[in-house]
Amino acid sequence: MDWQNATYALVQVAHNFGAVAVVGAPLFVLWPAHPGPSMRRAPAWMVLCGWMLQGASGAAFGATSYYWYGAFPDIHGVAVAALAIKMGCALAGIGLSAALLLAGPGIREARGRLLWSWLLAAGATALTAAAFLRWFS
C-alpha cells in the first residue's frame, strides 16, 4: 500500500466532512422550512466543529507534506491567496458559530438569520477558494 497517498486520502476525507458541515448546517437553518430557535443549537455546534475540522485537516495537509517530503507544499500566487481566504473563512466561521452558541435561543430572529447567512457565505467562499487552491498549486 502507498502510505503517503493513503495519508493524504484520509486527511481529505476529514476535510470533506468538515466542508459538508460548514455549508450544510447553515443551509438547513436558512431553508424556508427552517427549524425554530430551540432547534438551532445542534446545527450551531455542527458548524463550529466543522470549521475546527477544516482548520485541523488543512494543517494536516501541510504536516503530511512535511512528513513525506521534508518541506511544506510549494505554492505561490493564486494558491497562496486562496489559502489565505480559506484560513480567513475558518477564523470567521469559528467566531460566528461561537457567537451563535453564546447568544443561545434568545437571539433575535433577524440577528440569528444574519449570522447564519454570514456562516453560509463563509462556507461557500471557502469551498470556492479550495478549488482555486487545488488547481493553482
N, C-alpha and C. Protein backbone atom coordinates (compact mmCIF):
# COMPACT_ATOMS: atom_id res chain seq x y z
N MET A 1 0.84 -1.19 0.00
CA MET A 1 0.00 0.00 0.00
C MET A 1 0.89 1.25 0.00
N ASP A 2 0.44 2.24 -0.70
CA ASP A 2 1.14 3.53 -0.75
C ASP A 2 0.66 4.38 0.43
N TRP A 3 1.44 4.39 1.51
CA TRP A 3 1.03 5.06 2.74
C TRP A 3 0.94 6.57 2.59
N GLN A 4 1.76 7.12 1.73
CA GLN A 4 1.71 8.56 1.50
C GLN A 4 0.35 8.96 0.93
N ASN A 5 -0.08 8.30 -0.12
CA ASN A 5 -1.38 8.61 -0.71
C ASN A 5 -2.53 8.27 0.23
N ALA A 6 -2.38 7.18 1.00
CA ALA A 6 -3.42 6.82 1.97
C ALA A 6 -3.56 7.92 3.02
N THR A 7 -2.45 8.47 3.46
CA THR A 7 -2.49 9.55 4.45
C THR A 7 -3.20 10.77 3.88
N TYR A 8 -2.81 11.18 2.67
CA TYR A 8 -3.48 12.31 2.02
C TYR A 8 -4.98 12.04 1.86
N ALA A 9 -5.34 10.84 1.47
CA ALA A 9 -6.75 10.49 1.26
C ALA A 9 -7.54 10.58 2.56
N LEU A 10 -6.97 10.10 3.66
CA LEU A 10 -7.68 10.16 4.94
C LEU A 10 -7.85 11.60 5.42
N VAL A 11 -6.82 12.42 5.21
CA VAL A 11 -6.94 13.84 5.56
C VAL A 11 -8.03 14.48 4.69
N GLN A 12 -8.08 14.11 3.42
CA GLN A 12 -9.10 14.66 2.52
C GLN A 12 -10.50 14.24 2.95
N VAL A 13 -10.67 13.02 3.44
CA VAL A 13 -11.97 12.58 3.94
C VAL A 13 -12.43 13.48 5.08
N ALA A 14 -11.54 13.73 6.04
CA ALA A 14 -11.88 14.61 7.16
C ALA A 14 -12.21 16.01 6.64
N HIS A 15 -11.42 16.51 5.72
CA HIS A 15 -11.65 17.85 5.15
C HIS A 15 -13.01 17.92 4.45
N ASN A 16 -13.36 16.86 3.73
CA ASN A 16 -14.66 16.83 3.04
C ASN A 16 -15.82 16.85 4.02
N PHE A 17 -15.73 16.09 5.11
CA PHE A 17 -16.81 16.09 6.10
C PHE A 17 -16.93 17.46 6.77
N GLY A 18 -15.81 18.11 7.00
CA GLY A 18 -15.86 19.47 7.53
C GLY A 18 -16.55 20.41 6.57
N ALA A 19 -16.27 20.26 5.27
CA ALA A 19 -16.89 21.11 4.26
C ALA A 19 -18.41 20.91 4.22
N VAL A 20 -18.83 19.66 4.34
CA VAL A 20 -20.27 19.38 4.37
C VAL A 20 -20.93 20.10 5.54
N ALA A 21 -20.29 20.06 6.69
CA ALA A 21 -20.86 20.68 7.90
C ALA A 21 -20.94 22.19 7.78
N VAL A 22 -19.89 22.84 7.24
CA VAL A 22 -19.87 24.30 7.24
C VAL A 22 -20.82 24.89 6.20
N VAL A 23 -21.22 24.10 5.22
CA VAL A 23 -22.20 24.58 4.25
C VAL A 23 -23.58 23.99 4.54
N GLY A 24 -23.62 22.73 4.90
CA GLY A 24 -24.90 22.06 5.12
C GLY A 24 -25.69 22.58 6.31
N ALA A 25 -25.03 22.82 7.43
CA ALA A 25 -25.75 23.29 8.62
C ALA A 25 -26.39 24.66 8.39
N PRO A 26 -25.67 25.65 7.84
CA PRO A 26 -26.33 26.93 7.56
C PRO A 26 -27.47 26.80 6.54
N LEU A 27 -27.29 25.97 5.53
CA LEU A 27 -28.38 25.77 4.56
C LEU A 27 -29.61 25.18 5.24
N PHE A 28 -29.40 24.23 6.13
CA PHE A 28 -30.50 23.61 6.87
C PHE A 28 -31.28 24.65 7.67
N VAL A 29 -30.55 25.51 8.37
CA VAL A 29 -31.19 26.51 9.21
C VAL A 29 -31.88 27.59 8.37
N LEU A 30 -31.29 27.97 7.25
CA LEU A 30 -31.84 29.04 6.42
C LEU A 30 -32.90 28.56 5.42
N TRP A 31 -33.06 27.27 5.27
CA TRP A 31 -34.04 26.72 4.34
C TRP A 31 -35.43 27.26 4.69
N PRO A 32 -36.30 27.44 3.70
CA PRO A 32 -37.63 28.01 4.00
C PRO A 32 -38.40 27.32 5.13
N ALA A 33 -38.28 26.01 5.23
CA ALA A 33 -38.94 25.30 6.33
C ALA A 33 -37.95 25.09 7.47
N HIS A 34 -37.32 26.19 7.90
CA HIS A 34 -36.24 26.12 8.87
C HIS A 34 -36.74 25.75 10.27
N PRO A 35 -35.81 25.24 11.09
CA PRO A 35 -36.18 24.86 12.46
C PRO A 35 -36.36 26.11 13.34
N GLY A 36 -37.13 25.95 14.40
CA GLY A 36 -37.32 27.05 15.34
C GLY A 36 -36.05 27.32 16.13
N PRO A 37 -36.03 28.44 16.87
CA PRO A 37 -34.83 28.83 17.61
C PRO A 37 -34.30 27.74 18.55
N SER A 38 -35.19 26.97 19.17
CA SER A 38 -34.73 25.95 20.11
C SER A 38 -34.05 24.77 19.41
N MET A 39 -34.26 24.64 18.10
CA MET A 39 -33.68 23.52 17.35
C MET A 39 -32.40 23.91 16.60
N ARG A 40 -31.88 25.11 16.84
CA ARG A 40 -30.72 25.57 16.09
C ARG A 40 -29.40 25.37 16.83
N ARG A 41 -29.46 24.90 18.06
CA ARG A 41 -28.22 24.72 18.82
C ARG A 41 -27.37 23.59 18.23
N ALA A 42 -27.99 22.48 17.88
CA ALA A 42 -27.22 21.36 17.31
C ALA A 42 -26.54 21.75 15.99
N PRO A 43 -27.24 22.42 15.06
CA PRO A 43 -26.54 22.85 13.85
C PRO A 43 -25.42 23.85 14.14
N ALA A 44 -25.58 24.68 15.16
CA ALA A 44 -24.52 25.63 15.51
C ALA A 44 -23.28 24.87 15.99
N TRP A 45 -23.48 23.83 16.80
CA TRP A 45 -22.35 23.01 17.22
C TRP A 45 -21.73 22.30 16.03
N MET A 46 -22.59 21.82 15.11
CA MET A 46 -22.09 21.12 13.94
C MET A 46 -21.20 22.02 13.09
N VAL A 47 -21.64 23.26 12.88
CA VAL A 47 -20.85 24.16 12.05
C VAL A 47 -19.56 24.57 12.78
N LEU A 48 -19.62 24.75 14.08
CA LEU A 48 -18.39 25.06 14.83
C LEU A 48 -17.39 23.91 14.72
N CYS A 49 -17.86 22.70 14.93
CA CYS A 49 -16.98 21.53 14.81
C CYS A 49 -16.48 21.37 13.38
N GLY A 50 -17.34 21.66 12.40
CA GLY A 50 -16.93 21.58 11.01
C GLY A 50 -15.81 22.54 10.69
N TRP A 51 -15.91 23.78 11.20
CA TRP A 51 -14.84 24.75 10.95
C TRP A 51 -13.56 24.34 11.66
N MET A 52 -13.68 23.80 12.85
CA MET A 52 -12.48 23.35 13.56
C MET A 52 -11.84 22.17 12.82
N LEU A 53 -12.67 21.29 12.27
CA LEU A 53 -12.16 20.17 11.48
C LEU A 53 -11.51 20.68 10.20
N GLN A 54 -12.08 21.70 9.58
CA GLN A 54 -11.47 22.30 8.39
C GLN A 54 -10.06 22.82 8.72
N GLY A 55 -9.95 23.52 9.82
CA GLY A 55 -8.64 24.05 10.21
C GLY A 55 -7.64 22.95 10.52
N ALA A 56 -8.07 21.96 11.29
CA ALA A 56 -7.16 20.88 11.67
C ALA A 56 -6.75 20.04 10.47
N SER A 57 -7.70 19.73 9.60
CA SER A 57 -7.34 18.92 8.43
C SER A 57 -6.52 19.72 7.43
N GLY A 58 -6.76 21.02 7.34
CA GLY A 58 -5.92 21.86 6.49
C GLY A 58 -4.48 21.85 6.97
N ALA A 59 -4.31 21.96 8.28
CA ALA A 59 -2.96 21.89 8.84
C ALA A 59 -2.36 20.49 8.63
N ALA A 60 -3.22 19.48 8.67
CA ALA A 60 -2.74 18.11 8.45
C ALA A 60 -2.24 17.91 7.03
N PHE A 61 -2.81 18.62 6.06
CA PHE A 61 -2.28 18.55 4.69
C PHE A 61 -0.83 19.02 4.68
N GLY A 62 -0.58 20.16 5.32
CA GLY A 62 0.79 20.68 5.38
C GLY A 62 1.70 19.75 6.14
N ALA A 63 1.23 19.21 7.25
CA ALA A 63 2.05 18.31 8.06
C ALA A 63 2.36 17.02 7.30
N THR A 64 1.40 16.54 6.53
CA THR A 64 1.63 15.33 5.74
C THR A 64 2.71 15.58 4.69
N SER A 65 2.62 16.73 4.02
CA SER A 65 3.66 17.07 3.04
C SER A 65 5.02 17.18 3.71
N TYR A 66 5.05 17.81 4.87
CA TYR A 66 6.32 17.98 5.58
C TYR A 66 6.89 16.61 5.98
N TYR A 67 6.01 15.73 6.44
CA TYR A 67 6.47 14.39 6.86
C TYR A 67 7.05 13.61 5.68
N TRP A 68 6.35 13.61 4.55
CA TRP A 68 6.77 12.78 3.42
C TRP A 68 7.85 13.42 2.56
N TYR A 69 7.88 14.76 2.49
CA TYR A 69 8.83 15.44 1.61
C TYR A 69 9.87 16.27 2.35
N GLY A 70 9.67 16.48 3.65
CA GLY A 70 10.60 17.30 4.40
C GLY A 70 10.42 18.78 4.16
N ALA A 71 9.30 19.17 3.54
CA ALA A 71 9.02 20.58 3.25
C ALA A 71 7.51 20.76 3.10
N PHE A 72 7.06 21.96 3.36
CA PHE A 72 5.65 22.27 3.12
C PHE A 72 5.42 22.42 1.62
N PRO A 73 4.16 22.31 1.18
CA PRO A 73 3.89 22.44 -0.25
C PRO A 73 4.41 23.78 -0.79
N ASP A 74 4.96 23.74 -1.98
CA ASP A 74 5.49 24.93 -2.62
C ASP A 74 4.37 25.57 -3.43
N ILE A 75 3.66 26.49 -2.81
CA ILE A 75 2.55 27.16 -3.50
C ILE A 75 2.91 28.64 -3.66
N HIS A 76 2.29 29.26 -4.64
CA HIS A 76 2.55 30.67 -4.89
C HIS A 76 1.36 31.28 -5.63
N GLY A 77 1.35 32.59 -5.71
CA GLY A 77 0.35 33.32 -6.48
C GLY A 77 -1.08 33.07 -6.03
N VAL A 78 -1.89 32.61 -6.96
CA VAL A 78 -3.32 32.39 -6.73
C VAL A 78 -3.53 31.39 -5.59
N ALA A 79 -2.69 30.35 -5.53
CA ALA A 79 -2.84 29.33 -4.48
C ALA A 79 -2.63 29.93 -3.08
N VAL A 80 -1.68 30.81 -2.93
CA VAL A 80 -1.43 31.45 -1.63
C VAL A 80 -2.63 32.32 -1.25
N ALA A 81 -3.15 33.07 -2.21
CA ALA A 81 -4.32 33.91 -1.95
C ALA A 81 -5.51 33.04 -1.55
N ALA A 82 -5.70 31.92 -2.25
CA ALA A 82 -6.81 31.03 -1.94
C ALA A 82 -6.66 30.44 -0.54
N LEU A 83 -5.45 30.06 -0.18
CA LEU A 83 -5.21 29.52 1.16
C LEU A 83 -5.50 30.58 2.22
N ALA A 84 -5.08 31.80 1.99
CA ALA A 84 -5.35 32.89 2.94
C ALA A 84 -6.86 33.12 3.08
N ILE A 85 -7.57 33.06 1.99
CA ILE A 85 -9.03 33.22 2.04
C ILE A 85 -9.66 32.09 2.84
N LYS A 86 -9.22 30.86 2.59
CA LYS A 86 -9.76 29.72 3.34
C LYS A 86 -9.48 29.86 4.84
N MET A 87 -8.29 30.30 5.18
CA MET A 87 -7.94 30.47 6.60
C MET A 87 -8.79 31.58 7.23
N GLY A 88 -9.00 32.66 6.50
CA GLY A 88 -9.85 33.74 7.00
C GLY A 88 -11.28 33.28 7.19
N CYS A 89 -11.78 32.48 6.26
CA CYS A 89 -13.14 31.95 6.38
C CYS A 89 -13.26 31.04 7.60
N ALA A 90 -12.24 30.23 7.84
CA ALA A 90 -12.27 29.34 9.00
C ALA A 90 -12.30 30.14 10.30
N LEU A 91 -11.48 31.16 10.39
CA LEU A 91 -11.48 32.00 11.60
C LEU A 91 -12.83 32.70 11.77
N ALA A 92 -13.35 33.24 10.68
CA ALA A 92 -14.65 33.90 10.75
C ALA A 92 -15.74 32.90 11.13
N GLY A 93 -15.69 31.71 10.54
CA GLY A 93 -16.69 30.69 10.83
C GLY A 93 -16.68 30.25 12.28
N ILE A 94 -15.50 30.10 12.85
CA ILE A 94 -15.39 29.73 14.26
C ILE A 94 -15.97 30.84 15.13
N GLY A 95 -15.62 32.08 14.81
CA GLY A 95 -16.14 33.21 15.59
C GLY A 95 -17.65 33.35 15.48
N LEU A 96 -18.17 33.25 14.28
CA LEU A 96 -19.62 33.40 14.08
C LEU A 96 -20.41 32.27 14.74
N SER A 97 -19.92 31.05 14.61
CA SER A 97 -20.66 29.94 15.23
C SER A 97 -20.56 30.01 16.75
N ALA A 98 -19.42 30.45 17.27
CA ALA A 98 -19.31 30.64 18.72
C ALA A 98 -20.26 31.74 19.19
N ALA A 99 -20.40 32.80 18.40
CA ALA A 99 -21.35 33.87 18.75
C ALA A 99 -22.77 33.34 18.80
N LEU A 100 -23.13 32.49 17.86
CA LEU A 100 -24.47 31.89 17.87
C LEU A 100 -24.69 31.05 19.13
N LEU A 101 -23.68 30.26 19.47
CA LEU A 101 -23.81 29.41 20.65
C LEU A 101 -23.87 30.22 21.94
N LEU A 102 -23.10 31.29 22.01
CA LEU A 102 -23.12 32.13 23.21
C LEU A 102 -24.44 32.88 23.34
N ALA A 103 -25.01 33.30 22.22
CA ALA A 103 -26.29 34.03 22.25
C ALA A 103 -27.43 33.12 22.67
N GLY A 104 -27.35 31.86 22.29
CA GLY A 104 -28.38 30.90 22.67
C GLY A 104 -29.69 31.12 21.93
N PRO A 105 -30.74 30.42 22.37
CA PRO A 105 -32.03 30.50 21.67
C PRO A 105 -32.71 31.86 21.84
N GLY A 106 -32.22 32.70 22.72
CA GLY A 106 -32.83 34.01 22.93
C GLY A 106 -32.42 35.05 21.90
N ILE A 107 -31.59 34.69 20.94
CA ILE A 107 -31.14 35.65 19.94
C ILE A 107 -32.32 36.10 19.08
N ARG A 108 -32.33 37.38 18.75
CA ARG A 108 -33.39 37.90 17.89
C ARG A 108 -33.34 37.20 16.54
N GLU A 109 -34.51 36.94 15.98
CA GLU A 109 -34.62 36.19 14.72
C GLU A 109 -33.80 36.84 13.60
N ALA A 110 -33.91 38.14 13.45
CA ALA A 110 -33.20 38.83 12.37
C ALA A 110 -31.68 38.70 12.54
N ARG A 111 -31.22 38.86 13.76
CA ARG A 111 -29.78 38.75 14.00
C ARG A 111 -29.30 37.32 13.79
N GLY A 112 -30.07 36.36 14.24
CA GLY A 112 -29.71 34.96 14.04
C GLY A 112 -29.63 34.61 12.56
N ARG A 113 -30.61 35.04 11.78
CA ARG A 113 -30.59 34.76 10.34
C ARG A 113 -29.39 35.44 9.68
N LEU A 114 -29.03 36.63 10.14
CA LEU A 114 -27.87 37.31 9.59
C LEU A 114 -26.59 36.52 9.88
N LEU A 115 -26.44 36.05 11.10
CA LEU A 115 -25.25 35.26 11.45
C LEU A 115 -25.20 33.97 10.64
N TRP A 116 -26.35 33.30 10.49
CA TRP A 116 -26.38 32.07 9.70
C TRP A 116 -26.07 32.37 8.23
N SER A 117 -26.53 33.50 7.73
CA SER A 117 -26.23 33.88 6.34
C SER A 117 -24.73 34.12 6.16
N TRP A 118 -24.11 34.78 7.13
CA TRP A 118 -22.67 35.00 7.08
C TRP A 118 -21.91 33.67 7.14
N LEU A 119 -22.42 32.73 7.96
CA LEU A 119 -21.79 31.42 8.02
C LEU A 119 -21.88 30.70 6.67
N LEU A 120 -23.03 30.80 6.03
CA LEU A 120 -23.20 30.19 4.72
C LEU A 120 -22.25 30.84 3.71
N ALA A 121 -22.14 32.16 3.75
CA ALA A 121 -21.24 32.86 2.84
C ALA A 121 -19.79 32.45 3.08
N ALA A 122 -19.40 32.31 4.34
CA ALA A 122 -18.03 31.89 4.66
C ALA A 122 -17.77 30.48 4.14
N GLY A 123 -18.73 29.59 4.31
CA GLY A 123 -18.58 28.22 3.82
C GLY A 123 -18.48 28.16 2.31
N ALA A 124 -19.36 28.88 1.63
CA ALA A 124 -19.33 28.89 0.16
C ALA A 124 -18.04 29.52 -0.37
N THR A 125 -17.59 30.56 0.30
CA THR A 125 -16.34 31.21 -0.12
C THR A 125 -15.16 30.28 0.08
N ALA A 126 -15.13 29.58 1.20
CA ALA A 126 -14.03 28.64 1.46
C ALA A 126 -14.03 27.51 0.44
N LEU A 127 -15.20 27.00 0.10
CA LEU A 127 -15.26 25.93 -0.91
C LEU A 127 -14.79 26.42 -2.27
N THR A 128 -15.15 27.64 -2.61
CA THR A 128 -14.69 28.21 -3.88
C THR A 128 -13.18 28.40 -3.87
N ALA A 129 -12.66 28.93 -2.78
CA ALA A 129 -11.21 29.11 -2.67
C ALA A 129 -10.49 27.77 -2.71
N ALA A 130 -11.11 26.72 -2.18
CA ALA A 130 -10.49 25.39 -2.20
C ALA A 130 -10.24 24.92 -3.63
N ALA A 131 -11.18 25.21 -4.52
CA ALA A 131 -11.00 24.81 -5.92
C ALA A 131 -9.80 25.53 -6.53
N PHE A 132 -9.66 26.82 -6.24
CA PHE A 132 -8.53 27.57 -6.76
C PHE A 132 -7.22 27.10 -6.14
N LEU A 133 -7.24 26.80 -4.84
CA LEU A 133 -6.05 26.29 -4.18
C LEU A 133 -5.61 24.97 -4.82
N ARG A 134 -6.57 24.10 -5.05
CA ARG A 134 -6.27 22.77 -5.61
C ARG A 134 -5.67 22.88 -7.00
N TRP A 135 -6.25 23.70 -7.84
CA TRP A 135 -5.83 23.71 -9.25
C TRP A 135 -4.72 24.70 -9.56
N PHE A 136 -4.39 25.60 -8.64
CA PHE A 136 -3.29 26.52 -8.88
C PHE A 136 -2.07 26.17 -8.04
N SER A 137 -2.08 24.99 -7.40
CA SER A 137 -0.90 24.60 -6.62
C SER A 137 -0.21 23.41 -7.25
